[in-house]
């Protein structure tokens, strides 16, 4: 069993808790920079001979660099949903909360649960992911400016400023999209998977890029259920005994990026994809509300995406209708 390293990641620093082979806990704080990560690796090397099992919460971009540095150095790394750590803290009836005690908590969680190892995405996937997320961010800023343009219909001075910003954002958005296309075209595997995904009615180039960047690129899924759960489109069920019959809802454990990316494609697929349109009519006939139908369409789109990638064949309507 490897020694365990708990890491509480913040924007500026990382608090470390290391269980050494002698059973003692040692603590250290390093900056969340390349120099700080090098300091972390050197410190771990002085305390432990060999690899450790490092564990940290999924904190967006703040933890990516330190996780990658540890993995590249040969250590086992687990990236855990913060909700799991929070639930573990509640099970301990935890009262105190500091950065140091958070690192201790993550260490204890890793020691008790032994979460699965994180597999770093390939360099081309990391680049695609960064570009795809930047496109989403710029697109959101552009939409905010469009909303402001509608809010100032008669203020010419303000409209002139907004129009100038919109032009700059639109230009940058097109530039980023071209960078993504060029990047994908330089990697035959990515190009092939993108071309397969866009054969599915309802999935356009932007959605295909997001699926590759956030789901099907970083991790090879063994089953469609795993992919659906990661995307957060798996239903949550509340049932217990004969009295508890809670209303089902989407799980909060999945990726918000993927749910958001699939929402509008699902609406389009209900109109233009015969497989999903037929499913939507059946659900409507059974009295299902609109949101239930949309979520079912999102799930079905993921099933189709998984199918074309798994079979390495374009979308085939006759096969999809027979499933």
Protein backbone atom coordinates (compact mmCIF):
# COMPACT_ATOMS: atom_id res chain seq x y z
CA UNK A 1 0.00 0.00 0.00
CA UNK A 2 1.45 3.33 -1.07
CA UNK A 3 1.94 6.19 1.41
CA UNK A 4 -0.91 8.70 1.12
CA UNK A 5 -0.63 12.41 0.32
CA UNK A 6 -3.66 14.66 0.85
CA UNK A 7 -3.62 17.98 -1.02
CA UNK A 8 -5.95 20.89 -0.34
CA UNK A 9 -5.72 23.02 -3.49
CA UNK A 10 -6.39 26.76 -3.56
CA UNK A 11 -5.71 29.38 -6.20
CA UNK A 12 -2.42 30.56 -4.67
CA UNK A 13 -1.21 27.59 -2.60
CA UNK A 14 -1.45 23.89 -1.87
CA UNK A 15 -1.58 22.54 1.68
CA UNK A 16 -0.05 19.07 1.98
CA UNK A 17 -0.56 16.27 4.49
CA UNK A 18 1.70 13.24 4.02
CA UNK A 19 1.48 9.96 5.92
CA UNK A 20 5.06 8.67 6.05
CA UNK A 21 6.07 5.00 6.31
CA UNK A 22 6.76 5.48 10.03
CA UNK A 23 3.10 6.41 10.51
CA UNK A 24 3.74 10.06 11.28
CA UNK A 25 1.92 12.89 9.54
CA UNK A 26 3.98 15.67 8.05
CA UNK A 27 2.66 18.93 6.68
CA UNK A 28 3.87 21.53 4.25
CA UNK A 29 2.49 24.44 2.25
CA UNK A 30 3.73 25.24 -1.27
CA UNK A 31 2.71 27.84 -3.81
CA UNK A 32 0.39 26.67 -6.58
CA UNK A 33 2.98 27.43 -9.25
CA UNK A 34 5.47 25.43 -11.26
CA UNK A 35 8.16 26.26 -8.69
CA UNK A 36 5.85 25.23 -5.87
CA UNK A 37 5.06 21.93 -7.57
CA UNK A 38 8.79 21.23 -7.94
CA UNK A 39 9.18 22.01 -4.24
CA UNK A 40 6.34 19.58 -3.47
CA UNK A 41 7.99 16.76 -5.43
CA UNK A 42 11.35 17.39 -3.79
CA UNK A 43 9.76 17.40 -0.31
CA UNK A 44 7.88 14.16 -0.97
CA UNK A 45 11.10 12.60 -2.26
CA UNK A 46 12.87 13.48 0.97
CA UNK A 47 10.11 11.98 3.12
CA UNK A 48 9.27 8.83 1.16
CA UNK A 49 11.30 6.44 -0.92
CA UNK A 50 9.24 5.71 -4.00
CA UNK A 51 5.76 6.67 -5.16
CA UNK A 52 2.82 7.96 -3.12
CA UNK A 53 -0.95 7.94 -3.65
CA UNK A 54 -1.85 11.63 -3.91
CA UNK A 55 -5.46 12.74 -3.60
CA UNK A 56 -7.04 16.12 -4.27
CA UNK A 57 -10.47 17.53 -4.96
CA UNK A 58 -11.66 18.42 -8.44
CA UNK A 59 -11.29 22.21 -8.21
CA UNK A 60 -11.42 23.20 -11.84
CA UNK A 61 -8.20 24.53 -13.33
CA UNK A 62 -6.48 25.16 -10.00
CA UNK A 63 -5.59 21.52 -9.41
CA UNK A 64 -4.77 20.47 -12.96
CA UNK A 65 -1.11 21.49 -12.96
CA UNK A 66 -0.20 19.91 -9.61
CA UNK A 67 -2.02 16.69 -10.54
CA UNK A 68 -0.14 16.53 -13.82
CA UNK A 69 3.21 17.22 -12.13
CA UNK A 70 2.64 14.36 -9.68
CA UNK A 71 1.48 11.95 -12.40
CA UNK A 72 4.44 12.81 -14.64
CA UNK A 73 6.76 12.09 -11.69
CA UNK A 74 5.37 8.55 -11.40
CA UNK A 75 3.00 9.03 -8.46
CA UNK A 76 -0.57 7.70 -8.34
CA UNK A 77 -3.06 10.57 -8.40
CA UNK A 78 -6.79 10.55 -7.58
CA UNK A 79 -9.04 13.52 -8.33
CA UNK A 80 -12.19 13.26 -6.22
CA UNK A 81 -15.56 15.01 -6.43
CA UNK A 82 -15.71 17.59 -3.59
CA UNK A 83 -19.15 16.26 -2.63
CA UNK A 84 -17.55 12.93 -1.72
CA UNK A 85 -15.03 14.65 0.54
CA UNK A 86 -17.78 16.76 2.10
CA UNK A 87 -19.91 13.69 2.81
CA UNK A 88 -16.91 11.94 4.35
CA UNK A 89 -16.35 14.97 6.60
CA UNK A 90 -19.98 14.80 7.74
CA UNK A 91 -19.57 11.11 8.55
CA UNK A 92 -16.76 12.10 10.94
CA UNK A 93 -18.95 14.79 12.57
CA UNK A 94 -16.21 17.23 11.69
CA UNK A 95 -16.31 20.63 13.37
CA UNK A 96 -13.06 22.42 12.54
CA UNK A 97 -12.22 23.55 9.02
CA UNK A 98 -8.89 25.03 7.98
CA UNK A 99 -6.67 24.45 4.97
CA UNK A 100 -4.46 22.14 7.03
CA UNK A 101 -7.36 20.11 8.43
CA UNK A 102 -8.81 19.90 4.91
CA UNK A 103 -5.56 18.31 3.71
CA UNK A 104 -5.74 15.88 6.64
CA UNK A 105 -9.35 15.06 5.75
CA UNK A 106 -8.48 14.36 2.10
CA UNK A 107 -5.63 12.11 3.28
CA UNK A 108 -7.98 10.12 5.54
CA UNK A 109 -10.55 9.82 2.75
CA UNK A 110 -7.91 8.49 0.34
CA UNK A 111 -6.60 6.05 2.94
CA UNK A 112 -10.09 4.72 3.70
CA UNK A 113 -11.67 4.73 0.24
CA UNK A 114 -8.70 4.19 -2.09
CA UNK A 115 -10.28 6.14 -4.98
CA UNK A 116 -9.34 5.11 -8.53
CA UNK A 117 -6.28 6.55 -10.18
CA UNK A 118 -6.67 9.53 -12.47
CA UNK A 119 -5.37 9.05 -15.99
CA UNK A 120 -3.91 12.29 -17.40
CA UNK A 121 -5.38 13.21 -20.78
CA UNK A 122 -3.05 13.06 -23.75
CA UNK A 123 -1.38 16.40 -24.65
CA UNK A 124 -3.59 16.89 -27.71
CA UNK A 125 -6.70 16.39 -25.55
CA UNK A 126 -5.47 18.90 -22.98
CA UNK A 127 -4.95 21.46 -25.74
CA UNK A 128 -8.37 20.74 -27.23
CA UNK A 129 -9.99 21.04 -23.80
CA UNK A 130 -8.34 24.40 -23.13
CA UNK A 131 -9.40 25.76 -26.52
CA UNK A 132 -12.97 24.42 -26.20
CA UNK A 133 -13.41 25.96 -22.75
CA UNK A 134 -12.03 29.27 -24.00
CA UNK A 135 -14.55 29.24 -26.84
CA UNK A 136 -17.37 28.76 -24.34
CA UNK A 137 -16.07 31.63 -22.19
CA UNK A 138 -15.78 34.03 -25.15
CA UNK A 139 -19.22 33.00 -26.41
CA UNK A 140 -20.72 33.77 -23.00
CA UNK A 141 -19.10 37.21 -22.99
CA UNK A 142 -20.43 37.82 -26.49
CA UNK A 143 -23.95 36.89 -25.39
CA UNK A 144 -23.68 39.26 -22.42
CA UNK A 145 -22.78 42.10 -24.78
CA UNK A 146 -25.71 41.21 -27.05
CA UNK A 147 -28.00 41.42 -24.03
CA UNK A 148 -26.54 44.83 -23.15
CA UNK A 149 -27.09 46.00 -26.72
CA UNK A 150 -30.80 45.28 -26.31
CA UNK A 151 -30.82 47.08 -22.95
CA UNK A 152 -29.58 50.39 -24.44
CA UNK A 153 -31.73 50.84 -27.58
CA UNK A 154 -31.46 54.64 -27.64
CA UNK A 155 -28.07 55.34 -26.05
CA UNK A 156 -25.85 55.78 -29.11
CA UNK A 157 -22.63 56.33 -27.15
CA UNK A 158 -23.08 53.11 -25.19
CA UNK A 159 -24.23 51.20 -28.27
CA UNK A 160 -21.08 52.26 -30.10
CA UNK A 161 -18.91 50.86 -27.31
CA UNK A 162 -20.89 47.62 -27.13
CA UNK A 163 -20.75 47.19 -30.91
CA UNK A 164 -16.97 47.60 -30.87
CA UNK A 165 -16.58 45.00 -28.12
CA UNK A 166 -18.95 42.64 -29.95
CA UNK A 167 -16.88 42.92 -33.12
CA UNK A 168 -13.71 42.08 -31.19
CA UNK A 169 -15.31 39.12 -29.41
CA UNK A 170 -16.80 37.79 -32.64
CA UNK A 171 -13.43 38.00 -34.35
CA UNK A 172 -11.68 36.23 -31.46
CA UNK A 173 -14.38 33.55 -31.41
CA UNK A 174 -13.84 32.77 -35.08
CA UNK A 175 -10.08 32.74 -34.52
CA UNK A 176 -10.41 30.20 -31.69
CA UNK A 177 -12.75 28.02 -33.72
CA UNK A 178 -10.20 27.96 -36.54
CA UNK A 179 -7.46 27.03 -34.06
CA UNK A 180 -9.60 24.09 -32.93
CA UNK A 181 -10.22 22.96 -36.50
CA UNK A 182 -6.50 23.16 -37.29
CA UNK A 183 -5.62 21.31 -34.09
CA UNK A 184 -8.09 18.51 -34.81
CA UNK A 185 -6.96 18.23 -38.43
CA UNK A 186 -3.37 17.71 -37.22
CA UNK A 187 -4.45 14.63 -35.24
CA UNK A 188 -6.05 11.92 -37.41
CA UNK A 189 -7.70 10.18 -34.44
CA UNK A 190 -9.44 13.34 -33.28
CA UNK A 191 -10.42 14.21 -36.83
CA UNK A 192 -11.90 10.77 -37.38
CA UNK A 193 -13.93 10.86 -34.17
CA UNK A 194 -15.19 14.38 -34.88
CA UNK A 195 -16.28 13.33 -38.36
CA UNK A 196 -18.15 10.35 -36.90
CA UNK A 197 -19.95 12.46 -34.29
CA UNK A 198 -21.20 15.08 -36.73
CA UNK A 199 -22.96 12.38 -38.78
CA UNK A 200 -25.54 12.22 -35.96
CA UNK A 201 -28.46 14.61 -36.64
CA UNK A 202 -28.48 17.13 -33.81
CA UNK A 203 -24.74 17.07 -33.14
CA UNK A 204 -22.86 19.83 -34.90
CA UNK A 205 -19.18 20.68 -34.93
CA UNK A 206 -19.27 22.68 -31.68
CA UNK A 207 -21.01 19.90 -29.75
CA UNK A 208 -18.69 17.28 -31.23
CA UNK A 209 -15.67 19.30 -30.08
CA UNK A 210 -17.08 19.59 -26.55
CA UNK A 211 -17.78 15.84 -26.38
CA UNK A 212 -14.23 15.08 -27.48
CA UNK A 213 -12.70 17.62 -25.12
CA UNK A 214 -14.73 16.79 -22.01
CA UNK A 215 -15.89 13.19 -22.36
CA UNK A 216 -14.74 10.87 -25.11
CA UNK A 217 -11.25 12.32 -25.49
CA UNK A 218 -9.93 12.30 -21.91
CA UNK A 219 -11.16 8.82 -20.99
CA UNK A 220 -11.97 5.65 -22.95
CA UNK A 221 -15.36 4.55 -21.59
CA UNK A 222 -16.10 0.85 -21.30
CA UNK A 223 -19.87 1.34 -21.22
CA UNK A 224 -22.41 3.94 -22.24
CA UNK A 225 -23.68 4.01 -18.63
CA UNK A 226 -20.30 5.30 -17.49
CA UNK A 227 -20.37 8.05 -20.11
CA UNK A 228 -23.93 9.06 -19.20
CA UNK A 229 -23.08 9.16 -15.49
CA UNK A 230 -19.99 11.31 -16.14
CA UNK A 231 -22.10 13.71 -18.16
CA UNK A 232 -24.54 13.97 -15.25
CA UNK A 233 -27.59 12.78 -17.17
CA UNK A 234 -28.14 9.76 -14.96
CA UNK A 235 -31.38 10.10 -12.96
CA UNK A 236 -31.32 10.26 -9.19
CA UNK A 237 -33.94 8.08 -7.48
CA UNK A 238 -35.38 8.60 -3.99
CA UNK A 239 -37.18 5.49 -2.75
CA UNK A 240 -37.19 3.81 0.63
CA UNK A 241 -39.72 1.39 2.07
CA UNK A 242 -43.36 2.09 1.33
CA UNK A 243 -43.52 5.76 2.31
CA UNK A 244 -40.59 7.48 0.58
CA UNK A 245 -41.24 8.04 -3.10
CA UNK A 246 -39.27 11.14 -4.05
CA UNK A 247 -39.49 12.73 -7.46
CA UNK A 248 -36.58 11.72 -9.69
CA UNK A 249 -34.09 14.38 -10.70
CA UNK A 250 -30.82 14.71 -12.54
CA UNK A 251 -27.77 13.72 -10.54
CA UNK A 252 -25.66 16.67 -9.40
CA UNK A 253 -22.46 14.63 -9.63
CA UNK A 254 -21.88 14.97 -13.35
CA UNK A 255 -20.37 17.59 -15.61
CA UNK A 256 -22.26 20.87 -15.92
CA UNK A 257 -20.30 21.67 -19.07
CA UNK A 258 -21.60 18.54 -20.78
CA UNK A 259 -25.19 19.04 -19.65
CA UNK A 260 -25.12 22.60 -20.95
CA UNK A 261 -23.47 21.53 -24.20
CA UNK A 262 -26.12 18.87 -24.86
CA UNK A 263 -29.23 20.89 -24.04
CA UNK A 264 -29.70 22.80 -27.31
CA UNK A 265 -28.50 19.88 -29.48
CA UNK A 266 -31.19 17.78 -27.79
CA UNK A 267 -33.83 20.35 -28.76
CA UNK A 268 -32.55 20.27 -32.34
CA UNK A 269 -32.47 16.47 -32.34
CA UNK A 270 -36.12 16.32 -31.26
CA UNK A 271 -36.92 18.16 -34.49
CA UNK A 272 -34.45 16.67 -36.97
CA UNK A 273 -33.31 13.26 -35.70
CA UNK A 274 -35.92 10.58 -36.55
CA UNK A 275 -34.78 8.31 -33.71
CA UNK A 276 -35.08 10.98 -31.04
CA UNK A 277 -38.20 12.53 -32.58
CA UNK A 278 -39.98 9.16 -32.35
CA UNK A 279 -38.85 8.73 -28.75
CA UNK A 280 -40.07 12.24 -27.88
CA UNK A 281 -43.52 11.50 -29.34
CA UNK A 282 -43.80 8.31 -27.31
CA UNK A 283 -42.88 10.13 -24.11
CA UNK A 284 -45.29 12.98 -24.89
CA UNK A 285 -48.08 10.46 -25.46
CA UNK A 286 -47.36 9.03 -22.01
CA UNK A 287 -47.85 12.47 -20.47
CA UNK A 288 -44.21 13.29 -19.76
CA UNK A 289 -43.36 16.96 -19.30
CA UNK A 290 -41.14 18.86 -21.70
CA UNK A 291 -38.03 18.80 -19.50
CA UNK A 292 -38.23 15.03 -19.02
CA UNK A 293 -38.39 14.66 -22.80
CA UNK A 294 -35.41 16.97 -23.32
CA UNK A 295 -33.31 15.10 -20.77
CA UNK A 296 -34.25 11.80 -22.41
CA UNK A 297 -33.13 13.28 -25.74
CA UNK A 298 -29.81 14.32 -24.19
CA UNK A 299 -29.28 10.77 -22.95
CA UNK A 300 -30.22 9.30 -26.32
CA UNK A 301 -27.78 11.62 -28.10
CA UNK A 302 -25.00 10.35 -25.84
CA UNK A 303 -26.01 6.76 -26.56
CA UNK A 304 -25.79 7.46 -30.29
CA UNK A 305 -22.44 9.24 -29.89
CA UNK A 306 -21.06 6.32 -27.90
CA UNK A 307 -22.35 3.91 -30.55
CA UNK A 308 -20.73 5.57 -33.55
CA UNK A 309 -17.39 5.91 -31.72
CA UNK A 310 -17.49 2.34 -30.40
CA UNK A 311 -18.33 0.85 -33.79
CA UNK A 312 -16.15 3.33 -35.71
CA UNK A 313 -19.01 3.70 -38.19
CA UNK A 314 -21.08 6.77 -39.16
CA UNK A 315 -24.62 7.17 -37.89
CA UNK A 316 -26.93 4.65 -39.54
CA UNK A 317 -30.63 5.38 -39.17
CA UNK A 318 -31.71 1.79 -39.79
CA UNK A 319 -29.42 0.47 -37.05
CA UNK A 320 -30.42 3.21 -34.61
CA UNK A 321 -34.13 2.57 -35.13
CA UNK A 322 -33.64 -1.16 -34.50
CA UNK A 323 -31.96 -0.61 -31.10
